[in-house]
Amino acid sequence: MFRHVAGFRIFLLVLATVSCAFAQRDLSTLTGTVTDPTGAAIANAKVTLIKTQQL
C-alpha cells in the first residue's frame, strides 16, 4: 500500500514540475503594421517591446 502512495506522490511531483516548465516558455506572437503619421506603411520597421508592468 505504501508503495502505491509513494509512487502516486512522485507522479504528482513530476507532473507539477513539467507543467511549471511549460509555463515558462515564450510562445506569444505579435502582429501588426507600422505606419507613419499619414497612414503609409513603413517597410522593414524594427519594433522593440519593453516590459513596463509586472503582472
C-alpha atoms as a PDB file:
ATOM      1  CA  MET A   1       0.000   0.000   0.000  1.00  0.00           C
ATOM      2  CA  PHE A   2       2.795   2.424   0.922  1.00  0.00           C
ATOM      3  CA  ARG A   3       4.461   1.831  -2.455  1.00  0.00           C
ATOM      4  CA  HIS A   4       1.338   2.943  -4.305  1.00  0.00           C
ATOM      5  CA  VAL A   5       1.032   6.124  -2.243  1.00  0.00           C
ATOM      6  CA  ALA A   6       4.725   6.938  -2.700  1.00  0.00           C
ATOM      7  CA  GLY A   7       4.521   6.253  -6.432  1.00  0.00           C
ATOM      8  CA  PHE A   8       1.472   8.482  -6.763  1.00  0.00           C
ATOM      9  CA  ARG A   9       3.232  11.298  -4.892  1.00  0.00           C
ATOM     10  CA  ILE A  10       6.231  11.026  -7.204  1.00  0.00           C
ATOM     11  CA  PHE A  11       3.901  11.103 -10.210  1.00  0.00           C
ATOM     12  CA  LEU A  12       2.242  14.283  -8.919  1.00  0.00           C
ATOM     13  CA  LEU A  13       5.616  15.901  -8.270  1.00  0.00           C
ATOM     14  CA  VAL A  14       6.810  15.127 -11.806  1.00  0.00           C
ATOM     15  CA  LEU A  15       3.536  16.362 -13.275  1.00  0.00           C
ATOM     16  CA  ALA A  16       3.762  19.649 -11.360  1.00  0.00           C
ATOM     17  CA  THR A  17       7.389  20.146 -12.404  1.00  0.00           C
ATOM     18  CA  VAL A  18       6.670  19.538 -16.076  1.00  0.00           C
ATOM     19  CA  SER A  19       3.670  21.874 -16.107  1.00  0.00           C
ATOM     20  CA  CYS A  20       5.746  24.642 -14.490  1.00  0.00           C
ATOM     21  CA  ALA A  21       8.467  24.182 -17.099  1.00  0.00           C
ATOM     22  CA  PHE A  22       5.983  24.624 -19.944  1.00  0.00           C
ATOM     23  CA  ALA A  23       4.528  27.711 -18.271  1.00  0.00           C
ATOM     24  CA  GLN A  24       7.879  29.475 -18.651  1.00  0.00           C
ATOM     25  CA  ARG A  25       8.043  29.145 -22.438  1.00  0.00           C
ATOM     26  CA  ASP A  26       7.767  32.186 -24.693  1.00  0.00           C
ATOM     27  CA  LEU A  27       5.103  31.312 -27.221  1.00  0.00           C
ATOM     28  CA  SER A  28       3.469  34.656 -27.882  1.00  0.00           C
ATOM     29  CA  THR A  29       3.047  36.283 -31.272  1.00  0.00           C
ATOM     30  CA  LEU A  30       2.626  39.950 -32.095  1.00  0.00           C
ATOM     31  CA  THR A  31       1.410  41.091 -35.492  1.00  0.00           C
ATOM     32  CA  GLY A  32       0.583  44.477 -36.891  1.00  0.00           C
ATOM     33  CA  THR A  33       1.538  47.261 -39.249  1.00  0.00           C
ATOM     34  CA  VAL A  34       3.826  50.191 -38.518  1.00  0.00           C
ATOM     35  CA  THR A  35       2.642  53.394 -40.157  1.00  0.00           C
ATOM     36  CA  ASP A  36       3.804  56.985 -40.390  1.00  0.00           C
ATOM     37  CA  PRO A  37       1.564  59.948 -39.406  1.00  0.00           C
ATOM     38  CA  THR A  38      -0.027  59.974 -42.883  1.00  0.00           C
ATOM     39  CA  GLY A  39      -1.022  56.295 -42.596  1.00  0.00           C
ATOM     40  CA  ALA A  40       1.542  54.954 -45.068  1.00  0.00           C
ATOM     41  CA  ALA A  41       3.106  51.610 -44.126  1.00  0.00           C
ATOM     42  CA  ILE A  42       6.778  51.651 -43.144  1.00  0.00           C
ATOM     43  CA  ALA A  43       8.655  48.763 -44.761  1.00  0.00           C
ATOM     44  CA  ASN A  44      11.147  46.732 -42.680  1.00  0.00           C
ATOM     45  CA  ALA A  45      10.403  48.684 -39.497  1.00  0.00           C
ATOM     46  CA  LYS A  46      12.074  47.309 -36.365  1.00  0.00           C
ATOM     47  CA  VAL A  47       9.988  47.238 -33.210  1.00  0.00           C
ATOM     48  CA  THR A  48      11.311  46.712 -29.687  1.00  0.00           C
ATOM     49  CA  LEU A  49       8.993  45.501 -26.933  1.00  0.00           C
ATOM     50  CA  ILE A  50       9.746  46.584 -23.399  1.00  0.00           C
ATOM     51  CA  LYS A  51       8.113  45.091 -20.332  1.00  0.00           C
ATOM     52  CA  THR A  52       6.932  48.052 -18.256  1.00  0.00           C
ATOM     53  CA  GLN A  53       4.457  46.432 -15.881  1.00  0.00           C
ATOM     54  CA  GLN A  54       4.832  43.487 -13.530  1.00  0.00           C
ATOM     55  CA  LEU A  55       1.887  41.091 -13.696  1.00  0.00           C
END
